[in-house]
């Protein structure tokens, strides 16, 4: 009988996984999932945003005895390094690309529209944004963020990283930017609804 439990990588990119404030156990599993790819960059603000914790809570988490058995943590101010017990290391490089600059604008726009306090997008989300920048202009991407606020399904579920996903949780191709850009509310889609509302 195997002593390992295998979880699909898609779980850690799903809205189901990121929907609520993380527990300590969930955060511990999340770190292992995030650091399984040595090319991934991690920023403390990313964990604050992803886990929905305060900065001090994140720092205290890595000082817990049970956590330090498996993960060592080195504070580097606003940037830090997470080292897996097997020696795998994740480092952050800071040299903004066009996609990273646009990602900051997306987060700023999202926070203003939804009255949130997200910090920044992580490397996989920025790579996805870079992909969509070949299809949409900066203005269209920012407009899709604004229009998503009126979407009947996503208006209370949307998070910045969701905009740029190329597949949904079922593995099907998606284009949320295009969906939000072209979205029309029930009233917009049905001109007779406006007439009825005015009676």
N, C-alpha and C. Protein backbone atom coordinates (compact mmCIF):
# COMPACT_ATOMS: atom_id res chain seq x y z
N UNK A 1 0.84 -1.20 0.00
CA UNK A 1 0.00 0.00 0.00
C UNK A 1 0.88 1.25 0.00
N UNK A 2 0.61 2.19 -0.92
CA UNK A 2 1.43 3.38 -1.05
C UNK A 2 1.24 4.33 0.12
N UNK A 3 2.34 4.98 0.55
CA UNK A 3 2.26 5.94 1.65
C UNK A 3 2.09 7.37 1.12
N UNK A 4 1.96 7.53 -0.20
CA UNK A 4 1.84 8.84 -0.81
C UNK A 4 0.39 9.11 -1.24
N UNK A 5 0.03 10.38 -1.21
CA UNK A 5 -1.26 10.82 -1.71
C UNK A 5 -1.00 11.73 -2.90
N UNK A 6 -1.57 11.43 -4.04
CA UNK A 6 -1.34 12.21 -5.26
C UNK A 6 -2.54 13.12 -5.50
N UNK A 7 -2.26 14.40 -5.68
CA UNK A 7 -3.31 15.37 -5.97
C UNK A 7 -3.06 16.00 -7.34
N UNK A 8 -4.10 16.29 -8.11
CA UNK A 8 -3.91 16.91 -9.43
C UNK A 8 -3.43 18.35 -9.30
N UNK A 9 -2.49 18.76 -10.16
CA UNK A 9 -1.98 20.13 -10.11
C UNK A 9 -3.07 21.15 -10.35
N UNK A 10 -4.07 20.80 -11.15
CA UNK A 10 -5.16 21.73 -11.46
C UNK A 10 -5.92 22.16 -10.21
N UNK A 11 -5.89 21.31 -9.16
CA UNK A 11 -6.59 21.65 -7.91
C UNK A 11 -6.05 22.95 -7.34
N UNK A 12 -4.71 23.14 -7.41
CA UNK A 12 -4.08 24.28 -6.77
C UNK A 12 -4.22 25.56 -7.60
N UNK A 13 -4.81 25.46 -8.79
CA UNK A 13 -5.06 26.63 -9.62
C UNK A 13 -6.56 26.90 -9.74
N UNK A 14 -7.36 26.16 -9.00
CA UNK A 14 -8.81 26.27 -9.12
C UNK A 14 -9.38 27.28 -8.13
N UNK A 15 -10.53 27.84 -8.46
CA UNK A 15 -11.22 28.76 -7.57
C UNK A 15 -11.67 28.05 -6.29
N UNK A 16 -11.92 26.75 -6.40
CA UNK A 16 -12.31 25.95 -5.23
C UNK A 16 -11.21 25.98 -4.18
N UNK A 17 -9.95 25.84 -4.62
CA UNK A 17 -8.82 25.81 -3.69
C UNK A 17 -8.55 27.19 -3.10
N UNK A 18 -8.74 28.24 -3.89
CA UNK A 18 -8.36 29.59 -3.48
C UNK A 18 -9.52 30.41 -2.93
N UNK A 19 -10.70 29.82 -2.87
CA UNK A 19 -11.90 30.59 -2.59
C UNK A 19 -11.92 31.24 -1.21
N UNK A 20 -11.54 30.50 -0.18
CA UNK A 20 -11.64 31.01 1.19
C UNK A 20 -10.27 31.21 1.83
N UNK A 21 -10.27 31.85 2.98
CA UNK A 21 -9.04 32.03 3.75
C UNK A 21 -8.43 30.67 4.07
N UNK A 22 -7.12 30.54 3.84
CA UNK A 22 -6.46 29.26 4.02
C UNK A 22 -6.33 28.89 5.50
N UNK A 23 -6.42 27.59 5.77
CA UNK A 23 -6.06 27.07 7.08
C UNK A 23 -4.54 26.84 7.08
N UNK A 24 -3.96 26.57 8.24
CA UNK A 24 -2.53 26.29 8.31
C UNK A 24 -2.19 25.02 7.54
N UNK A 25 -3.04 24.02 7.66
CA UNK A 25 -2.79 22.77 6.94
C UNK A 25 -2.86 22.96 5.44
N UNK A 26 -3.81 23.76 4.99
CA UNK A 26 -3.94 24.02 3.56
C UNK A 26 -2.73 24.80 3.06
N UNK A 27 -2.28 25.77 3.86
CA UNK A 27 -1.10 26.56 3.47
C UNK A 27 0.13 25.66 3.36
N UNK A 28 0.28 24.71 4.27
CA UNK A 28 1.42 23.80 4.25
C UNK A 28 1.42 22.98 2.96
N UNK A 29 0.27 22.43 2.60
CA UNK A 29 0.16 21.64 1.35
C UNK A 29 0.40 22.55 0.14
N UNK A 30 -0.09 23.78 0.23
CA UNK A 30 0.04 24.73 -0.87
C UNK A 30 1.50 25.05 -1.16
N UNK A 31 2.30 25.20 -0.11
CA UNK A 31 3.72 25.49 -0.29
C UNK A 31 4.41 24.36 -1.05
N UNK A 32 4.10 23.14 -0.70
CA UNK A 32 4.70 22.01 -1.40
C UNK A 32 4.26 21.98 -2.86
N UNK A 33 3.01 22.33 -3.10
CA UNK A 33 2.52 22.36 -4.49
C UNK A 33 3.21 23.47 -5.28
N UNK A 34 3.36 24.63 -4.67
CA UNK A 34 3.98 25.77 -5.35
C UNK A 34 5.46 25.54 -5.63
N UNK A 35 6.15 24.89 -4.70
CA UNK A 35 7.59 24.69 -4.85
C UNK A 35 7.94 23.41 -5.59
N UNK A 36 6.93 22.71 -6.08
CA UNK A 36 7.21 21.50 -6.87
C UNK A 36 7.80 21.86 -8.22
N UNK A 37 7.61 23.12 -8.64
CA UNK A 37 8.19 23.63 -9.88
C UNK A 37 9.31 24.59 -9.50
N UNK A 38 10.55 24.18 -9.72
CA UNK A 38 11.69 25.00 -9.30
C UNK A 38 11.82 26.31 -10.06
N UNK A 39 11.09 26.45 -11.18
CA UNK A 39 11.15 27.68 -11.96
C UNK A 39 10.15 28.73 -11.47
N UNK A 40 9.31 28.34 -10.52
CA UNK A 40 8.29 29.25 -10.02
C UNK A 40 8.90 30.27 -9.08
N UNK A 41 8.49 31.52 -9.21
CA UNK A 41 8.95 32.56 -8.31
C UNK A 41 7.85 32.86 -7.29
N UNK A 42 8.27 33.10 -6.06
CA UNK A 42 7.32 33.35 -4.99
C UNK A 42 7.68 34.64 -4.27
N UNK A 43 6.68 35.42 -3.99
CA UNK A 43 6.83 36.70 -3.32
C UNK A 43 5.94 36.67 -2.07
N UNK A 44 6.40 37.24 -0.97
CA UNK A 44 5.61 37.17 0.26
C UNK A 44 4.23 37.79 0.09
N UNK A 45 4.15 38.84 -0.74
CA UNK A 45 2.85 39.46 -0.98
C UNK A 45 1.91 38.53 -1.74
N UNK A 46 2.51 37.65 -2.54
CA UNK A 46 1.69 36.64 -3.24
C UNK A 46 1.01 35.72 -2.23
N UNK A 47 1.75 35.28 -1.22
CA UNK A 47 1.17 34.40 -0.21
C UNK A 47 0.15 35.14 0.66
N UNK A 48 0.43 36.40 0.96
CA UNK A 48 -0.54 37.21 1.71
C UNK A 48 -1.86 37.27 0.97
N UNK A 49 -1.76 37.47 -0.34
CA UNK A 49 -2.94 37.56 -1.20
C UNK A 49 -3.61 36.21 -1.37
N UNK A 50 -2.81 35.20 -1.66
CA UNK A 50 -3.35 33.87 -1.96
C UNK A 50 -3.98 33.22 -0.73
N UNK A 51 -3.30 33.34 0.39
CA UNK A 51 -3.80 32.69 1.60
C UNK A 51 -4.81 33.56 2.36
N UNK A 52 -4.87 34.86 1.98
CA UNK A 52 -5.75 35.81 2.65
C UNK A 52 -5.37 35.97 4.13
N UNK A 53 -4.06 36.09 4.33
CA UNK A 53 -3.49 36.25 5.68
C UNK A 53 -2.82 37.62 5.78
N UNK A 54 -2.57 38.06 7.02
CA UNK A 54 -1.74 39.23 7.25
C UNK A 54 -0.27 38.83 7.11
N UNK A 55 0.59 39.81 6.85
CA UNK A 55 2.01 39.52 6.66
C UNK A 55 2.60 38.82 7.88
N UNK A 56 2.27 39.30 9.08
CA UNK A 56 2.82 38.70 10.29
C UNK A 56 2.38 37.24 10.44
N UNK A 57 1.17 36.94 9.99
CA UNK A 57 0.67 35.56 10.08
C UNK A 57 1.48 34.65 9.17
N UNK A 58 1.82 35.16 7.97
CA UNK A 58 2.63 34.38 7.04
C UNK A 58 4.01 34.12 7.63
N UNK A 59 4.62 35.17 8.18
CA UNK A 59 5.96 35.02 8.77
C UNK A 59 5.94 34.06 9.95
N UNK A 60 4.91 34.17 10.79
CA UNK A 60 4.80 33.29 11.96
C UNK A 60 4.58 31.84 11.54
N UNK A 61 3.90 31.64 10.42
CA UNK A 61 3.62 30.29 9.93
C UNK A 61 4.92 29.52 9.70
N UNK A 62 5.93 30.18 9.12
CA UNK A 62 7.19 29.51 8.81
C UNK A 62 8.08 29.32 10.04
N UNK A 63 7.64 29.89 11.16
CA UNK A 63 8.38 29.69 12.40
C UNK A 63 7.76 28.59 13.25
N UNK A 64 6.62 28.06 12.82
CA UNK A 64 5.99 26.98 13.58
C UNK A 64 6.87 25.73 13.60
N UNK A 65 6.93 25.09 14.75
CA UNK A 65 7.79 23.92 14.91
C UNK A 65 7.45 22.83 13.90
N UNK A 66 6.16 22.55 13.73
CA UNK A 66 5.75 21.50 12.81
C UNK A 66 6.08 21.84 11.36
N UNK A 67 6.04 23.14 11.02
CA UNK A 67 6.37 23.57 9.66
C UNK A 67 7.87 23.49 9.41
N UNK A 68 8.66 23.90 10.40
CA UNK A 68 10.12 23.92 10.26
C UNK A 68 10.74 22.52 10.16
N UNK A 69 9.97 21.50 10.50
CA UNK A 69 10.46 20.13 10.32
C UNK A 69 10.69 19.84 8.83
N UNK A 70 9.91 20.50 7.99
CA UNK A 70 9.92 20.17 6.56
C UNK A 70 10.34 21.34 5.66
N UNK A 71 10.15 22.56 6.14
CA UNK A 71 10.43 23.73 5.29
C UNK A 71 11.25 24.73 6.09
N UNK A 72 12.35 25.23 5.51
CA UNK A 72 13.11 26.30 6.15
C UNK A 72 12.78 27.61 5.45
N UNK A 73 12.74 28.68 6.22
CA UNK A 73 12.29 29.98 5.72
C UNK A 73 13.33 31.05 6.02
N UNK A 74 13.64 31.84 5.02
CA UNK A 74 14.63 32.91 5.19
C UNK A 74 14.00 34.23 4.80
N UNK A 75 13.83 35.13 5.77
CA UNK A 75 13.20 36.41 5.49
C UNK A 75 14.20 37.33 4.78
N UNK A 76 13.75 37.93 3.68
CA UNK A 76 14.60 38.84 2.91
C UNK A 76 13.88 40.17 2.69
N UNK A 77 13.23 40.70 3.72
CA UNK A 77 12.45 41.91 3.57
C UNK A 77 11.15 41.59 2.86
N UNK A 78 10.88 42.26 1.73
CA UNK A 78 9.65 42.00 1.00
C UNK A 78 9.78 40.79 0.08
N UNK A 79 11.03 40.35 -0.16
CA UNK A 79 11.25 39.16 -0.96
C UNK A 79 11.79 38.06 -0.07
N UNK A 80 11.54 36.84 -0.43
CA UNK A 80 12.08 35.77 0.39
C UNK A 80 12.29 34.51 -0.42
N UNK A 81 12.96 33.58 0.22
CA UNK A 81 13.31 32.31 -0.41
C UNK A 81 12.70 31.18 0.40
N UNK A 82 12.07 30.26 -0.26
CA UNK A 82 11.55 29.07 0.40
C UNK A 82 12.41 27.89 -0.05
N UNK A 83 12.93 27.15 0.92
CA UNK A 83 13.80 26.02 0.58
C UNK A 83 13.14 24.72 1.05
N UNK A 84 12.87 23.85 0.11
CA UNK A 84 12.33 22.56 0.45
C UNK A 84 13.37 21.73 1.19
N UNK A 85 12.95 20.80 2.00
CA UNK A 85 13.89 19.99 2.77
C UNK A 85 14.82 19.20 1.87
N UNK A 86 14.36 18.90 0.63
CA UNK A 86 15.20 18.15 -0.31
C UNK A 86 16.20 19.05 -1.03
N UNK A 87 16.19 20.34 -0.71
CA UNK A 87 17.18 21.25 -1.28
C UNK A 87 16.69 22.09 -2.43
N UNK A 88 15.49 21.81 -2.95
CA UNK A 88 14.96 22.60 -4.06
C UNK A 88 14.70 24.03 -3.57
N UNK A 89 15.08 25.00 -4.38
CA UNK A 89 14.98 26.40 -3.96
C UNK A 89 14.19 27.20 -4.97
N UNK A 90 13.43 28.18 -4.45
CA UNK A 90 12.65 29.07 -5.31
C UNK A 90 13.13 30.49 -5.06
N UNK A 91 13.63 31.16 -6.08
CA UNK A 91 14.12 32.53 -5.95
C UNK A 91 13.31 33.47 -6.83
N UNK A 92 13.23 34.72 -6.39
CA UNK A 92 12.51 35.70 -7.18
C UNK A 92 13.50 36.62 -7.87
N UNK A 93 13.28 36.86 -9.19
CA UNK A 93 14.07 37.81 -9.95
C UNK A 93 13.19 39.02 -10.23
N UNK A 94 13.71 40.22 -10.04
CA UNK A 94 12.89 41.41 -10.20
C UNK A 94 13.39 42.23 -11.38
N UNK A 95 12.73 42.10 -12.51
CA UNK A 95 13.03 42.87 -13.70
C UNK A 95 11.74 42.89 -14.52
N UNK A 96 10.95 43.93 -14.38
CA UNK A 96 9.60 43.93 -14.91
C UNK A 96 9.54 43.81 -16.43
N UNK A 97 8.74 42.89 -16.90
CA UNK A 97 8.44 42.76 -18.32
C UNK A 97 7.17 43.53 -18.62
N UNK A 98 6.79 43.61 -19.90
CA UNK A 98 5.54 44.28 -20.27
C UNK A 98 4.35 43.60 -19.60
N UNK A 99 4.39 42.28 -19.53
CA UNK A 99 3.29 41.54 -18.91
C UNK A 99 3.20 41.85 -17.41
N UNK A 100 4.35 41.96 -16.74
CA UNK A 100 4.35 42.27 -15.31
C UNK A 100 3.83 43.68 -15.05
N UNK A 101 4.19 44.61 -15.93
CA UNK A 101 3.70 45.98 -15.79
C UNK A 101 2.18 46.03 -15.96
N UNK A 102 1.69 45.30 -16.97
CA UNK A 102 0.25 45.26 -17.18
C UNK A 102 -0.45 44.54 -16.04
N UNK A 103 0.19 43.51 -15.49
CA UNK A 103 -0.39 42.77 -14.36
C UNK A 103 -0.63 43.71 -13.19
N UNK A 104 0.30 44.64 -12.95
CA UNK A 104 0.13 45.60 -11.86
C UNK A 104 -1.07 46.50 -12.13
N UNK A 105 -1.26 46.89 -13.39
CA UNK A 105 -2.42 47.73 -13.74
C UNK A 105 -3.72 46.95 -13.57
N UNK A 106 -3.68 45.67 -13.92
CA UNK A 106 -4.87 44.83 -13.78
C UNK A 106 -5.27 44.73 -12.31
N UNK A 107 -4.30 44.49 -11.44
CA UNK A 107 -4.59 44.38 -10.01
C UNK A 107 -5.11 45.70 -9.45
N UNK A 108 -4.50 46.81 -9.88
CA UNK A 108 -4.95 48.13 -9.42
C UNK A 108 -6.39 48.39 -9.86
N UNK A 109 -6.68 48.06 -11.13
CA UNK A 109 -8.03 48.26 -11.66
C UNK A 109 -9.03 47.37 -10.94
N UNK A 110 -8.63 46.12 -10.70
CA UNK A 110 -9.50 45.18 -10.00
C UNK A 110 -9.82 45.69 -8.59
N UNK A 111 -8.81 46.13 -7.88
CA UNK A 111 -9.01 46.61 -6.51
C UNK A 111 -9.95 47.81 -6.46
N UNK A 112 -9.83 48.70 -7.44
CA UNK A 112 -10.71 49.87 -7.48
C UNK A 112 -12.15 49.48 -7.80
N UNK A 113 -12.31 48.58 -8.75
CA UNK A 113 -13.65 48.17 -9.18
C UNK A 113 -14.36 47.34 -8.12
N UNK A 114 -13.62 46.47 -7.45
CA UNK A 114 -14.24 45.53 -6.51
C UNK A 114 -13.98 45.88 -5.04
N UNK A 115 -13.28 46.99 -4.82
CA UNK A 115 -12.96 47.43 -3.46
C UNK A 115 -12.23 46.33 -2.69
N UNK A 116 -11.17 45.80 -3.33
CA UNK A 116 -10.36 44.74 -2.73
C UNK A 116 -8.95 45.26 -2.48
N UNK A 117 -8.12 44.37 -1.90
CA UNK A 117 -6.74 44.77 -1.59
C UNK A 117 -5.75 43.70 -2.03
N UNK A 118 -5.95 43.18 -3.23
CA UNK A 118 -4.99 42.21 -3.76
C UNK A 118 -3.66 42.91 -4.01
N UNK A 119 -2.57 42.15 -3.85
CA UNK A 119 -1.24 42.73 -3.99
C UNK A 119 -0.70 42.62 -5.40
N UNK A 120 -0.48 41.39 -5.85
CA UNK A 120 0.08 41.21 -7.19
C UNK A 120 -0.17 39.80 -7.70
N UNK A 121 0.04 39.64 -8.98
CA UNK A 121 -0.11 38.33 -9.60
C UNK A 121 1.19 37.55 -9.51
N UNK A 122 1.08 36.23 -9.53
CA UNK A 122 2.25 35.37 -9.44
C UNK A 122 2.72 34.98 -10.85
N UNK A 123 3.92 34.41 -10.94
CA UNK A 123 4.56 34.11 -12.22
C UNK A 123 3.68 33.32 -13.20
N UNK A 124 3.01 32.24 -12.78
CA UNK A 124 2.17 31.50 -13.73
C UNK A 124 1.05 32.35 -14.32
N UNK A 125 0.47 33.23 -13.49
CA UNK A 125 -0.60 34.11 -13.96
C UNK A 125 -0.05 35.13 -14.96
N UNK A 126 1.15 35.62 -14.71
CA UNK A 126 1.77 36.60 -15.61
C UNK A 126 2.14 35.94 -16.94
N UNK A 127 2.57 34.69 -16.90
CA UNK A 127 2.84 33.98 -18.15
C UNK A 127 1.56 33.82 -18.96
N UNK A 128 0.46 33.55 -18.28
CA UNK A 128 -0.82 33.46 -18.98
C UNK A 128 -1.23 34.81 -19.55
N UNK A 129 -0.99 35.87 -18.79
CA UNK A 129 -1.29 37.22 -19.28
C UNK A 129 -0.47 37.53 -20.52
N UNK A 130 0.79 37.15 -20.50
CA UNK A 130 1.66 37.36 -21.67
C UNK A 130 1.08 36.66 -22.90
N UNK A 131 0.50 35.50 -22.71
CA UNK A 131 -0.15 34.76 -23.80
C UNK A 131 -1.33 35.55 -24.35
N UNK A 132 -2.17 36.08 -23.46
CA UNK A 132 -3.37 36.80 -23.90
C UNK A 132 -3.05 38.16 -24.51
N UNK A 133 -1.88 38.69 -24.19
CA UNK A 133 -1.48 39.99 -24.77
C UNK A 133 -1.24 39.89 -26.27
N UNK A 134 -1.12 38.67 -26.78
CA UNK A 134 -0.99 38.49 -28.23
C UNK A 134 -2.34 38.59 -28.92
N UNK A 135 -3.42 38.47 -28.14
CA UNK A 135 -4.77 38.52 -28.69
C UNK A 135 -5.47 39.83 -28.39
N UNK A 136 -5.26 40.36 -27.19
CA UNK A 136 -5.97 41.55 -26.74
C UNK A 136 -5.01 42.69 -26.42
N UNK A 137 -5.48 43.93 -26.62
CA UNK A 137 -4.70 45.10 -26.28
C UNK A 137 -4.78 45.36 -24.77
N UNK A 138 -3.92 46.20 -24.29
CA UNK A 138 -3.95 46.56 -22.87
C UNK A 138 -5.31 47.16 -22.50
N UNK A 139 -5.83 48.01 -23.37
CA UNK A 139 -7.12 48.66 -23.10
C UNK A 139 -8.24 47.64 -23.01
N UNK A 140 -8.20 46.63 -23.88
CA UNK A 140 -9.25 45.60 -23.87
C UNK A 140 -9.17 44.75 -22.61
N UNK A 141 -7.96 44.43 -22.18
CA UNK A 141 -7.78 43.62 -20.98
C UNK A 141 -8.29 44.36 -19.75
N UNK A 142 -7.95 45.64 -19.64
CA UNK A 142 -8.41 46.43 -18.50
C UNK A 142 -9.92 46.64 -18.55
N UNK A 143 -10.46 46.78 -19.75
CA UNK A 143 -11.91 46.94 -19.92
C UNK A 143 -12.64 45.67 -19.49
N UNK A 144 -12.05 44.50 -19.79
CA UNK A 144 -12.67 43.24 -19.40
C UNK A 144 -12.75 43.11 -17.87
N UNK A 145 -11.75 43.66 -17.19
CA UNK A 145 -11.77 43.64 -15.72
C UNK A 145 -12.95 44.46 -15.21
N UNK A 146 -13.14 45.63 -15.79
CA UNK A 146 -14.24 46.50 -15.37
C UNK A 146 -15.60 45.87 -15.68
N UNK A 147 -15.72 45.25 -16.85
CA UNK A 147 -17.02 44.69 -17.25
C UNK A 147 -17.36 43.41 -16.49
N UNK A 148 -16.35 42.74 -15.94
CA UNK A 148 -16.62 41.50 -15.21
C UNK A 148 -17.44 41.76 -13.95
N UNK A 149 -17.44 42.99 -13.49
CA UNK A 149 -18.18 43.35 -12.28
C UNK A 149 -19.68 43.15 -12.47
N UNK A 150 -20.15 43.23 -13.72
CA UNK A 150 -21.58 43.11 -13.99
C UNK A 150 -21.98 41.69 -14.40
N UNK A 151 -21.01 40.78 -14.49
CA UNK A 151 -21.31 39.43 -14.95
C UNK A 151 -22.18 38.69 -13.93
N UNK A 152 -23.26 38.07 -14.40
CA UNK A 152 -24.23 37.46 -13.50
C UNK A 152 -23.64 36.32 -12.68
N UNK A 153 -22.64 35.63 -13.21
CA UNK A 153 -22.04 34.50 -12.48
C UNK A 153 -20.77 34.90 -11.74
N UNK A 154 -19.90 35.65 -12.40
CA UNK A 154 -18.56 35.91 -11.87
C UNK A 154 -18.47 37.12 -10.95
N UNK A 155 -19.48 37.96 -10.90
CA UNK A 155 -19.36 39.24 -10.21
C UNK A 155 -18.94 39.12 -8.75
N UNK A 156 -19.32 38.03 -8.06
CA UNK A 156 -18.92 37.86 -6.67
C UNK A 156 -17.93 36.72 -6.46
N UNK A 157 -17.40 36.19 -7.57
CA UNK A 157 -16.45 35.06 -7.48
C UNK A 157 -15.11 35.37 -8.10
N UNK A 158 -15.05 36.40 -8.92
CA UNK A 158 -13.85 36.67 -9.71
C UNK A 158 -12.67 37.09 -8.84
N UNK A 159 -11.47 36.66 -9.22
CA UNK A 159 -10.21 37.07 -8.62
C UNK A 159 -9.27 37.43 -9.76
N UNK A 160 -8.27 38.28 -9.51
CA UNK A 160 -7.39 38.72 -10.59
C UNK A 160 -6.80 37.60 -11.43
N UNK A 161 -6.37 36.52 -10.81
CA UNK A 161 -5.70 35.44 -11.54
C UNK A 161 -6.64 34.68 -12.47
N UNK A 162 -7.95 34.77 -12.21
CA UNK A 162 -8.90 34.01 -13.03
C UNK A 162 -8.99 34.57 -14.44
N UNK A 163 -8.81 35.87 -14.61
CA UNK A 163 -8.95 36.49 -15.93
C UNK A 163 -8.07 35.82 -16.99
N UNK A 164 -6.89 35.36 -16.61
CA UNK A 164 -5.90 34.94 -17.59
C UNK A 164 -5.76 33.44 -17.74
N UNK A 165 -6.62 32.69 -17.09
CA UNK A 165 -6.55 31.24 -17.23
C UNK A 165 -6.89 30.83 -18.66
N UNK A 166 -6.18 29.81 -19.11
CA UNK A 166 -6.42 29.28 -20.46
C UNK A 166 -7.31 28.05 -20.44
N UNK A 167 -7.47 27.46 -19.25
CA UNK A 167 -8.34 26.30 -19.08
C UNK A 167 -9.12 26.44 -17.78
N UNK A 168 -10.34 25.89 -17.77
CA UNK A 168 -11.11 25.90 -16.53
C UNK A 168 -10.75 24.69 -15.68
N UNK A 169 -11.44 24.51 -14.57
CA UNK A 169 -11.11 23.43 -13.65
C UNK A 169 -11.37 22.05 -14.25
N UNK A 170 -12.14 22.00 -15.34
CA UNK A 170 -12.39 20.72 -16.03
C UNK A 170 -11.37 20.45 -17.13
N UNK A 171 -10.45 21.42 -17.34
CA UNK A 171 -9.44 21.26 -18.38
C UNK A 171 -9.88 21.73 -19.75
N UNK A 172 -11.06 22.38 -19.82
CA UNK A 172 -11.56 22.87 -21.10
C UNK A 172 -10.97 24.25 -21.40
N UNK A 173 -10.67 24.55 -22.68
CA UNK A 173 -10.14 25.87 -23.04
C UNK A 173 -11.15 26.98 -22.71
N UNK A 174 -10.66 28.08 -22.19
CA UNK A 174 -11.53 29.21 -21.86
C UNK A 174 -10.86 30.52 -22.30
N UNK A 175 -11.68 31.53 -22.47
CA UNK A 175 -11.20 32.88 -22.78
C UNK A 175 -12.07 33.84 -21.97
N UNK A 176 -11.70 34.04 -20.72
CA UNK A 176 -12.51 34.89 -19.84
C UNK A 176 -12.43 36.35 -20.24
N UNK A 177 -11.29 36.78 -20.78
CA UNK A 177 -11.17 38.17 -21.21
C UNK A 177 -12.20 38.47 -22.29
N UNK A 178 -12.27 37.60 -23.29
CA UNK A 178 -13.25 37.77 -24.36
C UNK A 178 -14.68 37.66 -23.85
N UNK A 179 -14.89 36.74 -22.92
CA UNK A 179 -16.24 36.56 -22.36
C UNK A 179 -16.71 37.84 -21.67
N UNK A 180 -15.84 38.45 -20.87
CA UNK A 180 -16.23 39.66 -20.15
C UNK A 180 -16.37 40.86 -21.10
N UNK A 181 -15.49 40.94 -22.09
CA UNK A 181 -15.57 42.05 -23.04
C UNK A 181 -16.89 42.03 -23.80
N UNK A 182 -17.38 40.85 -24.12
CA UNK A 182 -18.58 40.72 -24.93
C UNK A 182 -19.84 40.46 -24.12
N UNK A 183 -19.70 40.49 -22.80
CA UNK A 183 -20.84 40.16 -21.94
C UNK A 183 -21.89 41.28 -21.97
N UNK A 184 -23.14 40.86 -22.04
CA UNK A 184 -24.27 41.78 -21.94
C UNK A 184 -25.20 41.28 -20.86
N UNK A 185 -25.61 42.18 -19.99
CA UNK A 185 -26.53 41.80 -18.93
C UNK A 185 -27.87 41.44 -19.54
N UNK A 186 -28.76 40.89 -18.73
CA UNK A 186 -30.09 40.51 -19.22
C UNK A 186 -30.80 41.71 -19.80
N UNK A 187 -30.69 42.84 -19.15
CA UNK A 187 -31.37 44.05 -19.62
C UNK A 187 -30.78 44.53 -20.93
N UNK A 188 -29.46 44.43 -21.06
CA UNK A 188 -28.82 44.85 -22.31
C UNK A 188 -29.19 43.92 -23.45
N UNK A 189 -29.25 42.62 -23.16
CA UNK A 189 -29.55 41.64 -24.19
C UNK A 189 -31.01 41.67 -24.61
N UNK A 190 -31.90 42.10 -23.72
CA UNK A 190 -33.33 42.12 -24.00
C UNK A 190 -33.87 43.54 -23.84
N UNK A 191 -33.99 44.30 -24.94
CA UNK A 191 -34.45 45.69 -24.85
C UNK A 191 -35.86 45.80 -24.28
N UNK A 192 -36.66 44.76 -24.41
CA UNK A 192 -38.02 44.80 -23.89
C UNK A 192 -38.04 44.79 -22.36
N UNK A 193 -36.94 44.25 -21.75
CA UNK A 193 -36.86 44.23 -20.30
C UNK A 193 -36.79 45.65 -19.74
N UNK A 194 -36.10 46.54 -20.45
CA UNK A 194 -36.00 47.92 -20.01
C UNK A 194 -37.36 48.59 -20.06
N UNK A 195 -38.14 48.25 -21.07
CA UNK A 195 -39.48 48.84 -21.19
C UNK A 195 -40.35 48.39 -20.03
N UNK A 196 -40.27 47.08 -19.70
CA UNK A 196 -41.06 46.54 -18.61
C UNK A 196 -40.66 47.17 -17.27
N UNK A 197 -39.35 47.39 -17.11
CA UNK A 197 -38.87 47.97 -15.85
C UNK A 197 -39.35 49.39 -15.66
N UNK A 198 -39.59 50.10 -16.76
CA UNK A 198 -40.00 51.49 -16.69
C UNK A 198 -41.51 51.67 -16.52
N UNK A 199 -42.26 50.56 -16.59
CA UNK A 199 -43.71 50.66 -16.43
C UNK A 199 -44.08 50.82 -14.96
